[in-house]
Amino acid sequence: MSTDLPGAAGAVSLASEDVARLIRWADDFPQSGVRFADLTPVFADADAFRDVVDALVAVGRHADLVAGIDARGFLLGAGAARAMGAGVLAVRKAGKLPPPVHSCSYSLEYGTATLEIPADGIDLTGRRVLVIDDVLATGGTLGAAVELLEAAGAEVVSVAVVLELEALGGRGRLPDRPLTSLLTI
């Protein structure tokens, strides 16, 4: 956890306790050797979901747009944006948006992928963005999302995740970013 905003530490601590209590682990999913962190039970618990959203809002309150990464980041991003009075942008997996799109390909712990955002209809120039995802593992997804948003003219003011898998070193791919993880394992 790294946050310097007043009041954010308490919100993050409360959310961290909820996540640690409710997370479900699935070994060898989606492939052998991967231990999947299922946050579905956290999101399904009304109090825990509220605590997680409150913590994300506390660390991203200087943003005017929330970018939620496909797919669980959509749930978190929409909740945080609504609470903040900000807009929300879905950062999609390749092929889910009509052209034209901005795209960025990256590698992750078990393959490669591409993220996209619309190239038309949303002017990101100068927008202050909070980027939200569920899990930080190797950092490929978050790094690509930040690169994509900045290439489109946005200013990424904060990055937040529910769970950070510290042993995979993802934080190292975002060294110059304010990055908050609600729970680090």
C-alpha atoms as a PDB file:
ATOM      1  CA  MET A   1       0.000   0.000   0.000  1.00  0.00           C
ATOM      2  CA  SER A   2       1.239   3.466  -0.790  1.00  0.00           C
ATOM      3  CA  THR A   3      -0.990   6.451  -0.267  1.00  0.00           C
ATOM      4  CA  ASP A   4      -0.343   9.918   1.036  1.00  0.00           C
ATOM      5  CA  LEU A   5      -3.849  11.335   0.930  1.00  0.00           C
ATOM      6  CA  PRO A   6      -5.402  12.244   4.290  1.00  0.00           C
ATOM      7  CA  GLY A   7      -8.015   9.689   5.330  1.00  0.00           C
ATOM      8  CA  ALA A   8      -7.072   7.255   2.605  1.00  0.00           C
ATOM      9  CA  ALA A   9      -5.037   4.990   4.888  1.00  0.00           C
ATOM     10  CA  GLY A  10      -8.043   4.156   7.065  1.00  0.00           C
ATOM     11  CA  ALA A  11     -10.250   3.402   4.065  1.00  0.00           C
ATOM     12  CA  VAL A  12      -7.531   1.230   2.522  1.00  0.00           C
ATOM     13  CA  SER A  13      -7.013  -0.646   5.797  1.00  0.00           C
ATOM     14  CA  LEU A  14     -10.711  -1.458   6.141  1.00  0.00           C
ATOM     15  CA  ALA A  15     -10.937  -2.648   2.525  1.00  0.00           C
ATOM     16  CA  SER A  16      -7.769  -4.714   2.972  1.00  0.00           C
ATOM     17  CA  GLU A  17      -9.339  -6.606   5.862  1.00  0.00           C
ATOM     18  CA  ASP A  18     -12.446  -7.347   3.779  1.00  0.00           C
ATOM     19  CA  VAL A  19     -10.413  -8.594   0.817  1.00  0.00           C
ATOM     20  CA  ALA A  20      -8.219 -10.832   2.979  1.00  0.00           C
ATOM     21  CA  ARG A  21     -11.308 -12.326   4.625  1.00  0.00           C
ATOM     22  CA  LEU A  22     -13.340 -12.960   1.463  1.00  0.00           C
ATOM     23  CA  ILE A  23     -10.874 -13.712  -1.346  1.00  0.00           C
ATOM     24  CA  ARG A  24     -11.108 -17.190  -2.890  1.00  0.00           C
ATOM     25  CA  TRP A  25      -8.045 -18.867  -4.395  1.00  0.00           C
ATOM     26  CA  ALA A  26      -8.200 -21.273  -7.369  1.00  0.00           C
ATOM     27  CA  ASP A  27      -5.038 -23.281  -8.044  1.00  0.00           C
ATOM     28  CA  ASP A  28      -4.055 -24.177 -11.619  1.00  0.00           C
ATOM     29  CA  PHE A  29      -6.482 -21.705 -13.179  1.00  0.00           C
ATOM     30  CA  PRO A  30      -6.637 -20.559 -15.961  1.00  0.00           C
ATOM     31  CA  GLN A  31      -3.743 -22.942 -16.579  1.00  0.00           C
ATOM     32  CA  SER A  32      -1.442 -25.226 -14.633  1.00  0.00           C
ATOM     33  CA  GLY A  33       0.911 -23.401 -12.285  1.00  0.00           C
ATOM     34  CA  VAL A  34      -1.206 -20.239 -11.989  1.00  0.00           C
ATOM     35  CA  ARG A  35      -2.947 -19.446  -8.708  1.00  0.00           C
ATOM     36  CA  PHE A  36      -6.015 -17.338  -9.542  1.00  0.00           C
ATOM     37  CA  ALA A  37      -7.279 -14.746  -7.085  1.00  0.00           C
ATOM     38  CA  ASP A  38     -11.077 -14.754  -7.308  1.00  0.00           C
ATOM     39  CA  LEU A  39     -12.460 -11.500  -5.940  1.00  0.00           C
ATOM     40  CA  THR A  40     -16.069 -12.375  -6.787  1.00  0.00           C
ATOM     41  CA  PRO A  41     -16.932 -13.052  -3.110  1.00  0.00           C
ATOM     42  CA  VAL A  42     -15.568  -9.594  -2.186  1.00  0.00           C
ATOM     43  CA  PHE A  43     -17.729  -7.874  -4.804  1.00  0.00           C
ATOM     44  CA  ALA A  44     -20.805  -9.941  -3.867  1.00  0.00           C
ATOM     45  CA  ASP A  45     -20.630  -8.805  -0.224  1.00  0.00           C
ATOM     46  CA  ALA A  46     -22.346  -5.397  -0.056  1.00  0.00           C
ATOM     47  CA  ASP A  47     -20.292  -4.082   2.875  1.00  0.00           C
ATOM     48  CA  ALA A  48     -16.976  -5.277   1.448  1.00  0.00           C
ATOM     49  CA  PHE A  49     -17.765  -3.894  -2.004  1.00  0.00           C
ATOM     50  CA  ARG A  50     -18.646  -0.526  -0.466  1.00  0.00           C
ATOM     51  CA  ASP A  51     -15.406  -0.534   1.543  1.00  0.00           C
ATOM     52  CA  VAL A  52     -13.346  -1.349  -1.570  1.00  0.00           C
ATOM     53  CA  VAL A  53     -15.028   1.394  -3.609  1.00  0.00           C
ATOM     54  CA  ASP A  54     -14.614   3.888  -0.739  1.00  0.00           C
ATOM     55  CA  ALA A  55     -10.886   3.084  -0.578  1.00  0.00           C
ATOM     56  CA  LEU A  56     -10.494   3.524  -4.349  1.00  0.00           C
ATOM     57  CA  VAL A  57     -12.294   6.864  -4.155  1.00  0.00           C
ATOM     58  CA  ALA A  58     -10.055   7.993  -1.275  1.00  0.00           C
ATOM     59  CA  VAL A  59      -6.865   7.331  -3.247  1.00  0.00           C
ATOM     60  CA  GLY A  60      -8.163   8.707  -6.547  1.00  0.00           C
ATOM     61  CA  ARG A  61     -10.118  11.753  -5.552  1.00  0.00           C
ATOM     62  CA  HIS A  62      -8.029  14.115  -7.709  1.00  0.00           C
ATOM     63  CA  ALA A  63      -9.196  12.405 -10.919  1.00  0.00           C
ATOM     64  CA  ASP A  64     -12.031  13.552 -13.179  1.00  0.00           C
ATOM     65  CA  LEU A  65     -12.188  10.245 -15.091  1.00  0.00           C
ATOM     66  CA  VAL A  66     -11.892   6.656 -13.896  1.00  0.00           C
ATOM     67  CA  ALA A  67     -10.515   4.036 -16.304  1.00  0.00           C
ATOM     68  CA  GLY A  68     -11.602   0.514 -15.372  1.00  0.00           C
ATOM     69  CA  ILE A  69      -9.708  -2.353 -17.012  1.00  0.00           C
ATOM     70  CA  ASP A  70     -11.572  -5.252 -18.625  1.00  0.00           C
ATOM     71  CA  ALA A  71     -13.402  -6.916 -16.969  1.00  0.00           C
ATOM     72  CA  ARG A  72     -13.478  -6.738 -13.161  1.00  0.00           C
ATOM     73  CA  GLY A  73     -12.058  -3.227 -13.350  1.00  0.00           C
ATOM     74  CA  PHE A  74     -15.364  -2.229 -14.982  1.00  0.00           C
ATOM     75  CA  LEU A  75     -17.243  -3.052 -11.769  1.00  0.00           C
ATOM     76  CA  LEU A  76     -14.767  -1.198  -9.595  1.00  0.00           C
ATOM     77  CA  GLY A  77     -14.336   1.720 -11.966  1.00  0.00           C
ATOM     78  CA  ALA A  78     -18.063   2.316 -12.322  1.00  0.00           C
ATOM     79  CA  GLY A  79     -18.576   2.241  -8.550  1.00  0.00           C
ATOM     80  CA  ALA A  80     -15.681   4.618  -7.915  1.00  0.00           C
ATOM     81  CA  ALA A  81     -16.651   6.992 -10.727  1.00  0.00           C
ATOM     82  CA  ARG A  82     -20.226   7.202  -9.467  1.00  0.00           C
ATOM     83  CA  ALA A  83     -19.071   7.937  -5.925  1.00  0.00           C
ATOM     84  CA  MET A  84     -16.563  10.542  -7.168  1.00  0.00           C
ATOM     85  CA  GLY A  85     -18.949  12.291  -9.552  1.00  0.00           C
ATOM     86  CA  ALA A  86     -16.500  11.451 -12.346  1.00  0.00           C
ATOM     87  CA  GLY A  87     -16.837   9.863 -15.753  1.00  0.00           C
ATOM     88  CA  VAL A  88     -15.875   6.251 -16.375  1.00  0.00           C
ATOM     89  CA  LEU A  89     -13.977   4.764 -19.308  1.00  0.00           C
ATOM     90  CA  ALA A  90     -13.893   1.040 -20.050  1.00  0.00           C
ATOM     91  CA  VAL A  91     -10.419  -0.081 -21.149  1.00  0.00           C
ATOM     92  CA  ARG A  92     -11.386  -3.066 -23.310  1.00  0.00           C
ATOM     93  CA  LYS A  93      -9.764  -6.238 -24.553  1.00  0.00           C
ATOM     94  CA  ALA A  94      -9.050  -6.253 -28.292  1.00  0.00           C
ATOM     95  CA  GLY A  95     -11.967  -6.643 -30.667  1.00  0.00           C
ATOM     96  CA  LYS A  96     -14.682  -5.380 -28.306  1.00  0.00           C
ATOM     97  CA  LEU A  97     -14.888  -1.803 -29.640  1.00  0.00           C
ATOM     98  CA  PRO A  98     -15.757  -0.553 -33.128  1.00  0.00           C
ATOM     99  CA  PRO A  99     -12.921   1.190 -34.981  1.00  0.00           C
ATOM    100  CA  PRO A 100     -11.135   3.470 -34.800  1.00  0.00           C
ATOM    101  CA  VAL A 101      -9.364   2.537 -31.563  1.00  0.00           C
ATOM    102  CA  HIS A 102      -6.106   3.239 -29.800  1.00  0.00           C
ATOM    103  CA  SER A 103      -4.450  -0.051 -28.828  1.00  0.00           C
ATOM    104  CA  CYS A 104      -1.503  -1.354 -26.861  1.00  0.00           C
ATOM    105  CA  SER A 105      -0.269  -4.962 -26.781  1.00  0.00           C
ATOM    106  CA  TYR A 106       1.542  -6.459 -23.797  1.00  0.00           C
ATOM    107  CA  SER A 107       2.620  -9.714 -22.198  1.00  0.00           C
ATOM    108  CA  LEU A 108       1.165 -11.168 -19.025  1.00  0.00           C
ATOM    109  CA  GLU A 109       2.064 -14.089 -16.804  1.00  0.00           C
ATOM    110  CA  TYR A 110       0.433 -16.664 -19.104  1.00  0.00           C
ATOM    111  CA  GLY A 111       0.324 -15.160 -22.614  1.00  0.00           C
ATOM    112  CA  THR A 112      -0.135 -11.917 -24.509  1.00  0.00           C
ATOM    113  CA  ALA A 113      -3.048  -9.532 -24.881  1.00  0.00           C
ATOM    114  CA  THR A 114      -4.092  -6.165 -26.292  1.00  0.00           C
ATOM    115  CA  LEU A 115      -6.068  -3.346 -24.681  1.00  0.00           C
ATOM    116  CA  GLU A 116      -8.107  -0.759 -26.573  1.00  0.00           C
ATOM    117  CA  ILE A 117      -9.931   2.513 -26.007  1.00  0.00           C
ATOM    118  CA  PRO A 118     -12.003   4.525 -28.477  1.00  0.00           C
ATOM    119  CA  ALA A 119     -10.015   6.841 -30.758  1.00  0.00           C
ATOM    120  CA  ASP A 120     -13.127   8.931 -31.513  1.00  0.00           C
ATOM    121  CA  GLY A 121     -15.860  10.405 -29.357  1.00  0.00           C
ATOM    122  CA  ILE A 122     -13.875  10.853 -26.132  1.00  0.00           C
ATOM    123  CA  ASP A 123     -11.236  13.575 -25.865  1.00  0.00           C
ATOM    124  CA  LEU A 124      -8.756  12.449 -23.236  1.00  0.00           C
ATOM    125  CA  THR A 125      -6.423  15.414 -23.668  1.00  0.00           C
ATOM    126  CA  GLY A 126      -5.623  16.785 -20.229  1.00  0.00           C
ATOM    127  CA  ARG A 127      -8.075  14.480 -18.439  1.00  0.00           C
ATOM    128  CA  ARG A 128      -6.878  13.459 -14.956  1.00  0.00           C
ATOM    129  CA  VAL A 129      -7.366   9.701 -14.793  1.00  0.00           C
ATOM    130  CA  LEU A 130      -7.495   7.137 -12.002  1.00  0.00           C
ATOM    131  CA  VAL A 131      -6.727   3.694 -13.459  1.00  0.00           C
ATOM    132  CA  ILE A 132      -8.336   0.762 -11.622  1.00  0.00           C
ATOM    133  CA  ASP A 133      -7.852  -2.989 -11.962  1.00  0.00           C
ATOM    134  CA  ASP A 134      -8.540  -5.936  -9.720  1.00  0.00           C
ATOM    135  CA  VAL A 135      -5.113  -7.618  -9.523  1.00  0.00           C
ATOM    136  CA  LEU A 136      -1.540  -6.450 -10.106  1.00  0.00           C
ATOM    137  CA  ALA A 137       0.585  -9.449 -11.067  1.00  0.00           C
ATOM    138  CA  THR A 138       3.392  -8.879 -13.589  1.00  0.00           C
ATOM    139  CA  GLY A 139       2.243  -5.334 -14.367  1.00  0.00           C
ATOM    140  CA  GLY A 140       1.694  -5.877 -18.079  1.00  0.00           C
ATOM    141  CA  THR A 141      -1.990  -5.003 -18.095  1.00  0.00           C
ATOM    142  CA  LEU A 142      -1.666  -1.895 -15.940  1.00  0.00           C
ATOM    143  CA  GLY A 143       1.450  -0.761 -17.787  1.00  0.00           C
ATOM    144  CA  ALA A 144      -0.336  -1.091 -21.130  1.00  0.00           C
ATOM    145  CA  ALA A 145      -3.394   0.767 -19.842  1.00  0.00           C
ATOM    146  CA  VAL A 146      -1.281   3.656 -18.561  1.00  0.00           C
ATOM    147  CA  GLU A 147       0.677   3.782 -21.835  1.00  0.00           C
ATOM    148  CA  LEU A 148      -2.554   3.711 -23.845  1.00  0.00           C
ATOM    149  CA  LEU A 149      -4.211   6.509 -21.863  1.00  0.00           C
ATOM    150  CA  GLU A 150      -1.140   8.738 -21.902  1.00  0.00           C
ATOM    151  CA  ALA A 151      -0.674   8.225 -25.653  1.00  0.00           C
ATOM    152  CA  ALA A 152      -4.256   9.486 -26.038  1.00  0.00           C
ATOM    153  CA  GLY A 153      -3.387  12.651 -24.066  1.00  0.00           C
ATOM    154  CA  ALA A 154      -4.593  11.762 -20.561  1.00  0.00           C
ATOM    155  CA  GLU A 155      -2.673  12.416 -17.358  1.00  0.00           C
ATOM    156  CA  VAL A 156      -2.674   9.326 -15.161  1.00  0.00           C
ATOM    157  CA  VAL A 157      -2.795  10.746 -11.626  1.00  0.00           C
ATOM    158  CA  SER A 158      -3.166   7.465  -9.767  1.00  0.00           C
ATOM    159  CA  VAL A 159      -3.292   3.701 -10.231  1.00  0.00           C
ATOM    160  CA  ALA A 160      -5.153   1.436  -7.805  1.00  0.00           C
ATOM    161  CA  VAL A 161      -5.691  -2.309  -7.506  1.00  0.00           C
ATOM    162  CA  VAL A 162      -7.542  -4.468  -5.047  1.00  0.00           C
ATOM    163  CA  LEU A 163      -4.812  -7.123  -4.789  1.00  0.00           C
ATOM    164  CA  GLU A 164      -1.073  -7.007  -5.521  1.00  0.00           C
ATOM    165  CA  LEU A 165       0.868 -10.253  -5.944  1.00  0.00           C
ATOM    166  CA  GLU A 166       4.197  -8.831  -4.801  1.00  0.00           C
ATOM    167  CA  ALA A 167       6.359 -11.818  -5.807  1.00  0.00           C
ATOM    168  CA  LEU A 168       5.534 -11.236  -9.498  1.00  0.00           C
ATOM    169  CA  GLY A 169       7.125  -7.762  -9.451  1.00  0.00           C
ATOM    170  CA  GLY A 170       4.412  -5.829 -11.268  1.00  0.00           C
ATOM    171  CA  ARG A 171       4.995  -2.654  -9.274  1.00  0.00           C
ATOM    172  CA  GLY A 172       8.393  -2.385 -10.972  1.00  0.00           C
ATOM    173  CA  ARG A 173       6.679  -1.781 -14.326  1.00  0.00           C
ATOM    174  CA  LEU A 174       5.023   1.353 -12.923  1.00  0.00           C
ATOM    175  CA  PRO A 175       7.890   2.992 -11.010  1.00  0.00           C
ATOM    176  CA  ASP A 176       6.853   6.607 -11.534  1.00  0.00           C
ATOM    177  CA  ARG A 177       3.170   6.201 -10.755  1.00  0.00           C
ATOM    178  CA  PRO A 178       1.278   6.704  -7.514  1.00  0.00           C
ATOM    179  CA  LEU A 179       0.156   3.098  -7.023  1.00  0.00           C
ATOM    180  CA  THR A 180      -2.113   1.841  -4.249  1.00  0.00           C
ATOM    181  CA  SER A 181      -2.916  -1.794  -3.612  1.00  0.00           C
ATOM    182  CA  LEU A 182      -5.618  -2.496  -1.064  1.00  0.00           C
ATOM    183  CA  LEU A 183      -4.012  -5.828  -0.139  1.00  0.00           C
ATOM    184  CA  THR A 184      -0.487  -7.016  -0.925  1.00  0.00           C
ATOM    185  CA  ILE A 185       0.371 -10.693  -0.743  1.00  0.00           C
END
